[in-house]
């Protein structure tokens, strides 16, 4: 019997049983360990005296710092090849596992596949630009619209050397307070601390891009280099902290976490993360407008999920998520 006919019987090909696919190591409970103990939900709990926007900004900056530390691990130069561990040859696309590949929009607005290293560095530059932009992350807090005005003392007496107040338009006693307030009556996260109305929408976009970076770190580099340098616990710890903040502040959708869902579920089952409560599309924030008036963006250790873009959604050349 020839080698070619060994797979056949009576002229019919013998079906072979499918080889069971083992889950990645990082989806197994014995490898989902951390370098710290305790409840991560307490790390993101907002102090009562801190403005919602200021606390959210602090959390986002801290998560970006932690992510950058993990990215540095894959940017180390391999002594044998002379190239970074994550390079266009080893990672020609921005893959996140589970069939998820993220594309970038070129200058003509067309989605294109770029290397993971290029994608990640572009995300880093865009997020840093957002954080350094005082229009998004204000350095100096502007006074509230209703006063005190610049130059006005805390006693309410106007300093004539300052900017005079802008007179208000005519009002009607029959109008509801929300209409009397006009544009100033709208509420959003961080309004009282001078953050723009688009702040939460920008934070959502930043968080989505950081999530994609974590997906690639686990999918393409959990073994090399993190396992090889005994840094998987550090990667897990940074990621669980990142997910916890995203869940508590409702700035990370379940669909964005899909590539790493089995790992997240391990921590949810252990009580280390809050369980998600699906609310459908109505639970997501509308870009440009955000949280409910008079409510806090930090839930009572619960989270909701909303709609999000598909895995192959792109970002523009400026890094704004679509």
C-alpha atoms as a PDB file:
ATOM      1  CA  UNK A   1       0.000   0.000   0.000  1.00  0.00           C
ATOM      2  CA  UNK A   2       1.440   3.302  -1.027  1.00  0.00           C
ATOM      3  CA  UNK A   3       1.718   6.216   1.268  1.00  0.00           C
ATOM      4  CA  UNK A   4      -0.916   8.025  -0.783  1.00  0.00           C
ATOM      5  CA  UNK A   5      -3.468   5.241  -0.407  1.00  0.00           C
ATOM      6  CA  UNK A   6      -2.926   4.756   3.292  1.00  0.00           C
ATOM      7  CA  UNK A   7      -5.523   7.405   4.090  1.00  0.00           C
ATOM      8  CA  UNK A   8      -8.198   5.751   1.985  1.00  0.00           C
ATOM      9  CA  UNK A   9     -10.384   2.659   2.259  1.00  0.00           C
ATOM     10  CA  UNK A  10     -12.222   1.359  -0.784  1.00  0.00           C
ATOM     11  CA  UNK A  11     -11.457   4.554  -2.617  1.00  0.00           C
ATOM     12  CA  UNK A  12     -13.083   6.654   0.118  1.00  0.00           C
ATOM     13  CA  UNK A  13     -11.118   9.055   2.276  1.00  0.00           C
ATOM     14  CA  UNK A  14     -11.183   8.129   5.947  1.00  0.00           C
ATOM     15  CA  UNK A  15     -12.425  11.119   7.952  1.00  0.00           C
ATOM     16  CA  UNK A  16     -10.086  12.213  10.635  1.00  0.00           C
ATOM     17  CA  UNK A  17     -11.285  13.334  14.018  1.00  0.00           C
ATOM     18  CA  UNK A  18     -10.765  17.038  14.630  1.00  0.00           C
ATOM     19  CA  UNK A  19      -7.915  17.803  16.921  1.00  0.00           C
ATOM     20  CA  UNK A  20      -9.301  19.557  20.006  1.00  0.00           C
ATOM     21  CA  UNK A  21      -7.982  23.061  20.305  1.00  0.00           C
ATOM     22  CA  UNK A  22      -6.524  23.837  23.670  1.00  0.00           C
ATOM     23  CA  UNK A  23      -7.284  27.232  25.126  1.00  0.00           C
ATOM     24  CA  UNK A  24      -4.397  29.651  25.425  1.00  0.00           C
ATOM     25  CA  UNK A  25      -2.449  29.468  28.642  1.00  0.00           C
ATOM     26  CA  UNK A  26      -3.688  32.891  29.734  1.00  0.00           C
ATOM     27  CA  UNK A  27      -7.289  31.582  29.669  1.00  0.00           C
ATOM     28  CA  UNK A  28      -6.477  28.935  32.283  1.00  0.00           C
ATOM     29  CA  UNK A  29      -7.147  29.634  35.924  1.00  0.00           C
ATOM     30  CA  UNK A  30      -3.724  28.496  37.128  1.00  0.00           C
ATOM     31  CA  UNK A  31      -2.112  31.233  35.026  1.00  0.00           C
ATOM     32  CA  UNK A  32      -4.585  33.993  35.938  1.00  0.00           C
ATOM     33  CA  UNK A  33      -2.599  34.864  39.050  1.00  0.00           C
ATOM     34  CA  UNK A  34      -1.733  38.333  40.282  1.00  0.00           C
ATOM     35  CA  UNK A  35       1.104  40.021  42.149  1.00  0.00           C
ATOM     36  CA  UNK A  36      -1.224  41.642  44.691  1.00  0.00           C
ATOM     37  CA  UNK A  37      -4.105  40.493  46.823  1.00  0.00           C
ATOM     38  CA  UNK A  38      -7.322  42.207  47.685  1.00  0.00           C
ATOM     39  CA  UNK A  39     -10.291  43.743  45.960  1.00  0.00           C
ATOM     40  CA  UNK A  40      -9.420  45.847  42.950  1.00  0.00           C
ATOM     41  CA  UNK A  41     -12.787  47.573  43.143  1.00  0.00           C
ATOM     42  CA  UNK A  42     -11.578  49.560  46.146  1.00  0.00           C
ATOM     43  CA  UNK A  43      -8.659  50.945  44.116  1.00  0.00           C
ATOM     44  CA  UNK A  44     -11.034  52.689  41.731  1.00  0.00           C
ATOM     45  CA  UNK A  45     -13.561  53.895  44.315  1.00  0.00           C
ATOM     46  CA  UNK A  46     -13.863  57.670  44.098  1.00  0.00           C
ATOM     47  CA  UNK A  47     -13.385  59.705  47.281  1.00  0.00           C
ATOM     48  CA  UNK A  48     -16.451  61.770  48.083  1.00  0.00           C
ATOM     49  CA  UNK A  49     -14.620  65.106  47.915  1.00  0.00           C
ATOM     50  CA  UNK A  50     -13.112  64.535  44.459  1.00  0.00           C
ATOM     51  CA  UNK A  51     -14.857  65.700  41.286  1.00  0.00           C
ATOM     52  CA  UNK A  52     -15.998  62.893  38.984  1.00  0.00           C
ATOM     53  CA  UNK A  53     -14.050  64.271  36.038  1.00  0.00           C
ATOM     54  CA  UNK A  54     -10.855  64.760  38.008  1.00  0.00           C
ATOM     55  CA  UNK A  55     -11.007  61.215  39.369  1.00  0.00           C
ATOM     56  CA  UNK A  56     -11.755  59.733  35.951  1.00  0.00           C
ATOM     57  CA  UNK A  57      -8.890  61.704  34.420  1.00  0.00           C
ATOM     58  CA  UNK A  58      -6.568  60.481  37.169  1.00  0.00           C
ATOM     59  CA  UNK A  59      -7.600  56.879  36.559  1.00  0.00           C
ATOM     60  CA  UNK A  60      -7.137  57.115  32.785  1.00  0.00           C
ATOM     61  CA  UNK A  61      -3.678  58.674  33.120  1.00  0.00           C
ATOM     62  CA  UNK A  62      -2.670  55.952  35.582  1.00  0.00           C
ATOM     63  CA  UNK A  63      -3.969  53.177  33.311  1.00  0.00           C
ATOM     64  CA  UNK A  64      -2.063  54.654  30.388  1.00  0.00           C
ATOM     65  CA  UNK A  65       1.104  54.707  32.493  1.00  0.00           C
ATOM     66  CA  UNK A  66       0.695  51.058  33.466  1.00  0.00           C
ATOM     67  CA  UNK A  67      -0.005  50.029  29.872  1.00  0.00           C
ATOM     68  CA  UNK A  68       3.119  51.830  28.696  1.00  0.00           C
ATOM     69  CA  UNK A  69       5.172  49.824  31.182  1.00  0.00           C
ATOM     70  CA  UNK A  70       3.837  46.590  29.679  1.00  0.00           C
ATOM     71  CA  UNK A  71       4.442  47.838  26.141  1.00  0.00           C
ATOM     72  CA  UNK A  72       8.072  48.510  27.020  1.00  0.00           C
ATOM     73  CA  UNK A  73       8.483  44.760  27.578  1.00  0.00           C
ATOM     74  CA  UNK A  74       7.636  43.946  23.947  1.00  0.00           C
ATOM     75  CA  UNK A  75       9.740  46.851  22.704  1.00  0.00           C
ATOM     76  CA  UNK A  76      12.915  45.363  24.146  1.00  0.00           C
ATOM     77  CA  UNK A  77      15.455  44.569  21.434  1.00  0.00           C
ATOM     78  CA  UNK A  78      16.106  40.894  20.807  1.00  0.00           C
ATOM     79  CA  UNK A  79      19.839  40.262  21.095  1.00  0.00           C
ATOM     80  CA  UNK A  80      19.771  37.673  18.316  1.00  0.00           C
ATOM     81  CA  UNK A  81      17.766  39.567  15.714  1.00  0.00           C
ATOM     82  CA  UNK A  82      18.642  43.128  16.690  1.00  0.00           C
ATOM     83  CA  UNK A  83      14.943  44.017  16.392  1.00  0.00           C
ATOM     84  CA  UNK A  84      12.253  44.714  18.989  1.00  0.00           C
ATOM     85  CA  UNK A  85      10.338  41.634  20.123  1.00  0.00           C
ATOM     86  CA  UNK A  86       7.195  43.055  18.529  1.00  0.00           C
ATOM     87  CA  UNK A  87       8.168  44.091  15.012  1.00  0.00           C
ATOM     88  CA  UNK A  88       6.594  44.132  11.531  1.00  0.00           C
ATOM     89  CA  UNK A  89       8.039  40.698  10.780  1.00  0.00           C
ATOM     90  CA  UNK A  90       6.726  38.883  13.864  1.00  0.00           C
ATOM     91  CA  UNK A  91       3.466  40.869  14.069  1.00  0.00           C
ATOM     92  CA  UNK A  92       2.555  42.138  10.583  1.00  0.00           C
ATOM     93  CA  UNK A  93      -1.001  42.962  11.717  1.00  0.00           C
ATOM     94  CA  UNK A  94      -2.619  44.227  14.896  1.00  0.00           C
ATOM     95  CA  UNK A  95      -4.152  40.925  15.951  1.00  0.00           C
ATOM     96  CA  UNK A  96      -5.966  40.486  19.234  1.00  0.00           C
ATOM     97  CA  UNK A  97      -6.967  36.828  19.155  1.00  0.00           C
ATOM     98  CA  UNK A  98     -10.299  35.215  18.419  1.00  0.00           C
ATOM     99  CA  UNK A  99     -10.177  36.417  14.823  1.00  0.00           C
ATOM    100  CA  UNK A 100      -9.937  40.054  15.855  1.00  0.00           C
ATOM    101  CA  UNK A 101      -7.678  42.171  13.668  1.00  0.00           C
ATOM    102  CA  UNK A 102      -7.711  45.931  14.069  1.00  0.00           C
ATOM    103  CA  UNK A 103      -7.184  48.238  11.121  1.00  0.00           C
ATOM    104  CA  UNK A 104      -6.148  51.848  10.764  1.00  0.00           C
ATOM    105  CA  UNK A 105      -7.541  54.512   8.473  1.00  0.00           C
ATOM    106  CA  UNK A 106      -5.071  56.053   6.065  1.00  0.00           C
ATOM    107  CA  UNK A 107      -5.091  59.706   5.012  1.00  0.00           C
ATOM    108  CA  UNK A 108      -7.774  58.931   2.420  1.00  0.00           C
ATOM    109  CA  UNK A 109     -10.012  57.373   5.061  1.00  0.00           C
ATOM    110  CA  UNK A 110      -9.523  53.819   3.826  1.00  0.00           C
ATOM    111  CA  UNK A 111      -9.022  50.993   6.353  1.00  0.00           C
ATOM    112  CA  UNK A 112      -5.637  49.367   6.055  1.00  0.00           C
ATOM    113  CA  UNK A 113      -3.746  46.767   8.002  1.00  0.00           C
ATOM    114  CA  UNK A 114      -0.564  47.939   9.640  1.00  0.00           C
ATOM    115  CA  UNK A 115       1.904  46.173  11.872  1.00  0.00           C
ATOM    116  CA  UNK A 116       1.107  45.839  15.547  1.00  0.00           C
ATOM    117  CA  UNK A 117       4.187  47.870  16.470  1.00  0.00           C
ATOM    118  CA  UNK A 118       3.044  50.736  14.227  1.00  0.00           C
ATOM    119  CA  UNK A 119      -0.519  50.530  15.540  1.00  0.00           C
ATOM    120  CA  UNK A 120       0.540  50.531  19.200  1.00  0.00           C
ATOM    121  CA  UNK A 121       2.983  53.414  18.796  1.00  0.00           C
ATOM    122  CA  UNK A 122       0.294  55.414  16.981  1.00  0.00           C
ATOM    123  CA  UNK A 123      -2.147  54.778  19.833  1.00  0.00           C
ATOM    124  CA  UNK A 124       0.483  55.862  22.356  1.00  0.00           C
ATOM    125  CA  UNK A 125       1.122  59.132  20.515  1.00  0.00           C
ATOM    126  CA  UNK A 126      -2.586  59.867  20.159  1.00  0.00           C
ATOM    127  CA  UNK A 127      -3.435  59.216  23.809  1.00  0.00           C
ATOM    128  CA  UNK A 128      -0.450  61.225  25.014  1.00  0.00           C
ATOM    129  CA  UNK A 129      -1.582  64.082  22.792  1.00  0.00           C
ATOM    130  CA  UNK A 130      -5.049  63.918  24.325  1.00  0.00           C
ATOM    131  CA  UNK A 131      -3.689  63.919  27.871  1.00  0.00           C
ATOM    132  CA  UNK A 132      -1.329  66.816  27.123  1.00  0.00           C
ATOM    133  CA  UNK A 133      -4.099  68.838  25.456  1.00  0.00           C
ATOM    134  CA  UNK A 134      -5.513  71.316  28.005  1.00  0.00           C
ATOM    135  CA  UNK A 135      -8.741  71.419  25.993  1.00  0.00           C
ATOM    136  CA  UNK A 136      -9.343  67.751  26.882  1.00  0.00           C
ATOM    137  CA  UNK A 137      -7.485  67.466  30.196  1.00  0.00           C
ATOM    138  CA  UNK A 138      -7.603  71.037  31.509  1.00  0.00           C
ATOM    139  CA  UNK A 139      -4.647  72.074  33.609  1.00  0.00           C
ATOM    140  CA  UNK A 140      -6.200  75.249  34.978  1.00  0.00           C
ATOM    141  CA  UNK A 141      -9.795  74.893  36.096  1.00  0.00           C
ATOM    142  CA  UNK A 142     -12.106  77.533  34.673  1.00  0.00           C
ATOM    143  CA  UNK A 143     -14.685  79.056  37.032  1.00  0.00           C
ATOM    144  CA  UNK A 144     -18.234  77.731  36.710  1.00  0.00           C
ATOM    145  CA  UNK A 145     -20.541  79.501  34.277  1.00  0.00           C
ATOM    146  CA  UNK A 146     -22.741  80.870  37.045  1.00  0.00           C
ATOM    147  CA  UNK A 147     -19.829  82.404  38.972  1.00  0.00           C
ATOM    148  CA  UNK A 148     -17.802  83.392  40.725  1.00  0.00           C
ATOM    149  CA  UNK A 149     -16.557  85.416  37.780  1.00  0.00           C
ATOM    150  CA  UNK A 150     -12.881  86.130  37.273  1.00  0.00           C
ATOM    151  CA  UNK A 151     -11.908  88.846  39.722  1.00  0.00           C
ATOM    152  CA  UNK A 152     -14.850  88.217  42.034  1.00  0.00           C
ATOM    153  CA  UNK A 153     -13.944  87.708  45.678  1.00  0.00           C
ATOM    154  CA  UNK A 154     -15.295  84.783  47.662  1.00  0.00           C
ATOM    155  CA  UNK A 155     -17.484  87.221  49.605  1.00  0.00           C
ATOM    156  CA  UNK A 156     -19.432  87.921  46.440  1.00  0.00           C
ATOM    157  CA  UNK A 157     -18.063  91.481  46.015  1.00  0.00           C
ATOM    158  CA  UNK A 158     -16.911  92.130  42.484  1.00  0.00           C
ATOM    159  CA  UNK A 159     -13.343  93.294  42.024  1.00  0.00           C
ATOM    160  CA  UNK A 160     -13.618  96.132  39.514  1.00  0.00           C
ATOM    161  CA  UNK A 161     -10.199  95.261  38.185  1.00  0.00           C
ATOM    162  CA  UNK A 162     -11.434  91.877  36.980  1.00  0.00           C
ATOM    163  CA  UNK A 163     -13.575  90.821  34.052  1.00  0.00           C
ATOM    164  CA  UNK A 164     -17.170  92.049  34.427  1.00  0.00           C
ATOM    165  CA  UNK A 165     -19.930  89.455  34.416  1.00  0.00           C
ATOM    166  CA  UNK A 166     -21.828  88.773  31.209  1.00  0.00           C
ATOM    167  CA  UNK A 167     -25.463  89.862  31.586  1.00  0.00           C
ATOM    168  CA  UNK A 168     -28.000  87.075  31.317  1.00  0.00           C
ATOM    169  CA  UNK A 169     -30.777  87.148  28.763  1.00  0.00           C
ATOM    170  CA  UNK A 170     -34.444  87.630  29.585  1.00  0.00           C
ATOM    171  CA  UNK A 171     -36.138  84.802  31.426  1.00  0.00           C
ATOM    172  CA  UNK A 172     -39.663  83.642  32.030  1.00  0.00           C
ATOM    173  CA  UNK A 173     -41.009  82.283  35.288  1.00  0.00           C
ATOM    174  CA  UNK A 174     -43.051  79.779  33.291  1.00  0.00           C
ATOM    175  CA  UNK A 175     -39.948  78.110  31.812  1.00  0.00           C
ATOM    176  CA  UNK A 176     -38.490  74.971  33.441  1.00  0.00           C
ATOM    177  CA  UNK A 177     -35.151  75.361  35.154  1.00  0.00           C
ATOM    178  CA  UNK A 178     -33.379  73.272  32.514  1.00  0.00           C
ATOM    179  CA  UNK A 179     -34.458  75.750  29.813  1.00  0.00           C
ATOM    180  CA  UNK A 180     -33.666  78.779  31.946  1.00  0.00           C
ATOM    181  CA  UNK A 181     -30.157  77.461  32.353  1.00  0.00           C
ATOM    182  CA  UNK A 182     -29.688  77.162  28.590  1.00  0.00           C
ATOM    183  CA  UNK A 183     -26.497  75.401  27.472  1.00  0.00           C
ATOM    184  CA  UNK A 184     -25.137  75.774  30.989  1.00  0.00           C
ATOM    185  CA  UNK A 185     -27.955  73.549  32.226  1.00  0.00           C
ATOM    186  CA  UNK A 186     -26.541  70.468  30.506  1.00  0.00           C
ATOM    187  CA  UNK A 187     -24.574  68.173  32.723  1.00  0.00           C
ATOM    188  CA  UNK A 188     -21.644  65.924  31.923  1.00  0.00           C
ATOM    189  CA  UNK A 189     -18.799  64.201  33.667  1.00  0.00           C
ATOM    190  CA  UNK A 190     -16.245  66.722  34.890  1.00  0.00           C
ATOM    191  CA  UNK A 191     -18.266  69.819  34.042  1.00  0.00           C
ATOM    192  CA  UNK A 192     -17.766  71.317  37.477  1.00  0.00           C
ATOM    193  CA  UNK A 193     -13.993  70.916  37.185  1.00  0.00           C
ATOM    194  CA  UNK A 194     -13.712  72.470  33.736  1.00  0.00           C
ATOM    195  CA  UNK A 195     -13.640  69.347  31.571  1.00  0.00           C
ATOM    196  CA  UNK A 196     -15.267  69.659  28.117  1.00  0.00           C
ATOM    197  CA  UNK A 197     -18.576  68.080  27.221  1.00  0.00           C
ATOM    198  CA  UNK A 198     -16.760  65.602  24.960  1.00  0.00           C
ATOM    199  CA  UNK A 199     -14.520  64.412  27.811  1.00  0.00           C
ATOM    200  CA  UNK A 200     -16.237  61.074  28.520  1.00  0.00           C
ATOM    201  CA  UNK A 201     -16.527  60.319  24.808  1.00  0.00           C
ATOM    202  CA  UNK A 202     -12.800  60.970  24.399  1.00  0.00           C
ATOM    203  CA  UNK A 203     -12.051  58.759  27.401  1.00  0.00           C
ATOM    204  CA  UNK A 204     -14.126  55.950  25.896  1.00  0.00           C
ATOM    205  CA  UNK A 205     -12.128  56.152  22.675  1.00  0.00           C
ATOM    206  CA  UNK A 206      -8.853  56.158  24.587  1.00  0.00           C
ATOM    207  CA  UNK A 207      -9.944  53.181  26.658  1.00  0.00           C
ATOM    208  CA  UNK A 208     -11.021  51.234  23.581  1.00  0.00           C
ATOM    209  CA  UNK A 209      -7.590  51.690  22.008  1.00  0.00           C
ATOM    210  CA  UNK A 210      -5.801  50.703  25.222  1.00  0.00           C
ATOM    211  CA  UNK A 211      -7.968  47.570  25.364  1.00  0.00           C
ATOM    212  CA  UNK A 212      -6.857  46.624  21.863  1.00  0.00           C
ATOM    213  CA  UNK A 213      -3.234  46.982  22.937  1.00  0.00           C
ATOM    214  CA  UNK A 214      -3.841  44.615  25.857  1.00  0.00           C
ATOM    215  CA  UNK A 215      -5.503  42.116  23.500  1.00  0.00           C
ATOM    216  CA  UNK A 216      -2.361  42.037  21.376  1.00  0.00           C
ATOM    217  CA  UNK A 217      -0.060  41.762  24.380  1.00  0.00           C
ATOM    218  CA  UNK A 218      -1.862  38.640  25.572  1.00  0.00           C
ATOM    219  CA  UNK A 219      -2.518  37.042  22.198  1.00  0.00           C
ATOM    220  CA  UNK A 220       0.890  37.554  20.576  1.00  0.00           C
ATOM    221  CA  UNK A 221       3.279  38.026  23.485  1.00  0.00           C
ATOM    222  CA  UNK A 222       2.033  36.187  26.559  1.00  0.00           C
ATOM    223  CA  UNK A 223       4.652  33.486  25.979  1.00  0.00           C
ATOM    224  CA  UNK A 224       7.316  35.640  24.366  1.00  0.00           C
ATOM    225  CA  UNK A 225       8.372  37.668  26.188  1.00  0.00           C
ATOM    226  CA  UNK A 226       6.124  37.789  29.298  1.00  0.00           C
ATOM    227  CA  UNK A 227       6.323  34.103  30.232  1.00  0.00           C
ATOM    228  CA  UNK A 228      10.012  33.926  29.407  1.00  0.00           C
ATOM    229  CA  UNK A 229      10.832  36.843  31.696  1.00  0.00           C
ATOM    230  CA  UNK A 230       8.382  35.735  34.426  1.00  0.00           C
ATOM    231  CA  UNK A 231       6.199  38.813  34.001  1.00  0.00           C
ATOM    232  CA  UNK A 232       2.785  37.249  33.350  1.00  0.00           C
ATOM    233  CA  UNK A 233       1.575  38.126  36.849  1.00  0.00           C
ATOM    234  CA  UNK A 234       2.501  41.755  36.272  1.00  0.00           C
ATOM    235  CA  UNK A 235       0.628  41.737  32.955  1.00  0.00           C
ATOM    236  CA  UNK A 236      -2.422  40.156  34.612  1.00  0.00           C
ATOM    237  CA  UNK A 237      -2.358  42.681  37.449  1.00  0.00           C
ATOM    238  CA  UNK A 238      -2.196  45.704  35.157  1.00  0.00           C
ATOM    239  CA  UNK A 239      -4.976  44.290  33.005  1.00  0.00           C
ATOM    240  CA  UNK A 240      -7.390  43.439  35.825  1.00  0.00           C
ATOM    241  CA  UNK A 241      -6.931  46.949  37.227  1.00  0.00           C
ATOM    242  CA  UNK A 242      -7.603  48.372  33.761  1.00  0.00           C
ATOM    243  CA  UNK A 243     -10.774  46.303  33.299  1.00  0.00           C
ATOM    244  CA  UNK A 244     -12.022  47.128  36.777  1.00  0.00           C
ATOM    245  CA  UNK A 245     -11.778  50.872  36.148  1.00  0.00           C
ATOM    246  CA  UNK A 246     -13.450  50.449  32.772  1.00  0.00           C
ATOM    247  CA  UNK A 247     -16.331  48.519  34.304  1.00  0.00           C
ATOM    248  CA  UNK A 248     -16.885  50.790  37.283  1.00  0.00           C
ATOM    249  CA  UNK A 249     -16.855  53.960  35.197  1.00  0.00           C
ATOM    250  CA  UNK A 250     -18.780  52.312  32.324  1.00  0.00           C
ATOM    251  CA  UNK A 251     -16.191  53.371  29.750  1.00  0.00           C
ATOM    252  CA  UNK A 252     -15.356  49.863  28.501  1.00  0.00           C
ATOM    253  CA  UNK A 253     -17.936  47.814  26.622  1.00  0.00           C
ATOM    254  CA  UNK A 254     -18.202  44.038  26.791  1.00  0.00           C
ATOM    255  CA  UNK A 255     -17.730  43.775  23.023  1.00  0.00           C
ATOM    256  CA  UNK A 256     -14.332  45.442  23.306  1.00  0.00           C
ATOM    257  CA  UNK A 257     -13.361  42.878  25.966  1.00  0.00           C
ATOM    258  CA  UNK A 258     -14.528  39.923  23.878  1.00  0.00           C
ATOM    259  CA  UNK A 259     -11.032  38.706  22.825  1.00  0.00           C
ATOM    260  CA  UNK A 260     -10.081  38.319  26.510  1.00  0.00           C
ATOM    261  CA  UNK A 261     -13.528  37.463  27.863  1.00  0.00           C
ATOM    262  CA  UNK A 262     -12.563  34.026  29.298  1.00  0.00           C
ATOM    263  CA  UNK A 263      -9.830  35.637  31.392  1.00  0.00           C
ATOM    264  CA  UNK A 264     -12.155  38.368  32.614  1.00  0.00           C
ATOM    265  CA  UNK A 265     -14.769  35.760  33.540  1.00  0.00           C
ATOM    266  CA  UNK A 266     -12.243  33.906  35.696  1.00  0.00           C
ATOM    267  CA  UNK A 267     -11.735  37.031  37.772  1.00  0.00           C
ATOM    268  CA  UNK A 268     -15.455  37.804  37.852  1.00  0.00           C
ATOM    269  CA  UNK A 269     -16.152  34.289  39.188  1.00  0.00           C
ATOM    270  CA  UNK A 270     -13.540  34.833  41.885  1.00  0.00           C
ATOM    271  CA  UNK A 271     -15.228  38.087  42.908  1.00  0.00           C
ATOM    272  CA  UNK A 272     -12.209  40.171  41.869  1.00  0.00           C
ATOM    273  CA  UNK A 273     -14.216  42.085  39.257  1.00  0.00           C
ATOM    274  CA  UNK A 274     -17.819  43.292  39.203  1.00  0.00           C
ATOM    275  CA  UNK A 275     -20.172  41.248  37.049  1.00  0.00           C
ATOM    276  CA  UNK A 276     -21.436  43.018  33.956  1.00  0.00           C
ATOM    277  CA  UNK A 277     -25.114  43.853  33.669  1.00  0.00           C
ATOM    278  CA  UNK A 278     -26.106  44.009  30.023  1.00  0.00           C
ATOM    279  CA  UNK A 279     -28.463  46.830  29.131  1.00  0.00           C
ATOM    280  CA  UNK A 280     -28.266  46.771  25.353  1.00  0.00           C
ATOM    281  CA  UNK A 281     -27.634  49.806  23.210  1.00  0.00           C
ATOM    282  CA  UNK A 282     -29.492  52.092  25.582  1.00  0.00           C
ATOM    283  CA  UNK A 283     -26.786  51.537  28.155  1.00  0.00           C
ATOM    284  CA  UNK A 284     -24.048  53.149  26.116  1.00  0.00           C
ATOM    285  CA  UNK A 285     -23.171  56.777  26.170  1.00  0.00           C
ATOM    286  CA  UNK A 286     -23.842  58.971  23.182  1.00  0.00           C
ATOM    287  CA  UNK A 287     -20.602  60.448  21.824  1.00  0.00           C
ATOM    288  CA  UNK A 288     -20.355  64.112  22.687  1.00  0.00           C
ATOM    289  CA  UNK A 289     -22.893  63.900  25.492  1.00  0.00           C
ATOM    290  CA  UNK A 290     -22.572  61.751  28.475  1.00  0.00           C
ATOM    291  CA  UNK A 291     -23.729  60.800  31.893  1.00  0.00           C
ATOM    292  CA  UNK A 292     -27.160  61.367  33.258  1.00  0.00           C
ATOM    293  CA  UNK A 293     -27.842  64.744  34.790  1.00  0.00           C
ATOM    294  CA  UNK A 294     -27.421  64.740  38.519  1.00  0.00           C
ATOM    295  CA  UNK A 295     -25.903  61.247  38.641  1.00  0.00           C
ATOM    296  CA  UNK A 296     -22.407  60.005  39.274  1.00  0.00           C
ATOM    297  CA  UNK A 297     -20.491  58.082  36.587  1.00  0.00           C
ATOM    298  CA  UNK A 298     -19.264  55.664  39.254  1.00  0.00           C
ATOM    299  CA  UNK A 299     -21.870  52.941  39.868  1.00  0.00           C
ATOM    300  CA  UNK A 300     -22.326  51.102  43.136  1.00  0.00           C
ATOM    301  CA  UNK A 301     -19.745  48.453  42.252  1.00  0.00           C
ATOM    302  CA  UNK A 302     -21.755  47.433  39.198  1.00  0.00           C
ATOM    303  CA  UNK A 303     -21.345  47.960  35.499  1.00  0.00           C
ATOM    304  CA  UNK A 304     -23.464  48.231  32.411  1.00  0.00           C
ATOM    305  CA  UNK A 305     -22.549  47.474  28.864  1.00  0.00           C
ATOM    306  CA  UNK A 306     -23.528  49.150  25.684  1.00  0.00           C
ATOM    307  CA  UNK A 307     -22.997  48.990  21.975  1.00  0.00           C
ATOM    308  CA  UNK A 308     -19.534  49.213  20.577  1.00  0.00           C
ATOM    309  CA  UNK A 309     -17.840  48.995  17.260  1.00  0.00           C
ATOM    310  CA  UNK A 310     -16.942  45.688  15.677  1.00  0.00           C
ATOM    311  CA  UNK A 311     -13.556  44.080  16.022  1.00  0.00           C
ATOM    312  CA  UNK A 312     -12.434  45.266  12.599  1.00  0.00           C
ATOM    313  CA  UNK A 313     -13.400  48.860  13.193  1.00  0.00           C
ATOM    314  CA  UNK A 314     -10.721  51.335  12.384  1.00  0.00           C
ATOM    315  CA  UNK A 315      -9.311  54.457  13.891  1.00  0.00           C
ATOM    316  CA  UNK A 316      -8.508  57.541  11.935  1.00  0.00           C
ATOM    317  CA  UNK A 317      -5.018  58.778  11.294  1.00  0.00           C
ATOM    318  CA  UNK A 318      -5.527  60.985  14.344  1.00  0.00           C
ATOM    319  CA  UNK A 319      -6.444  57.981  16.443  1.00  0.00           C
ATOM    320  CA  UNK A 320     -10.120  58.715  16.992  1.00  0.00           C
ATOM    321  CA  UNK A 321     -12.006  55.454  17.311  1.00  0.00           C
ATOM    322  CA  UNK A 322     -14.832  54.917  14.880  1.00  0.00           C
END
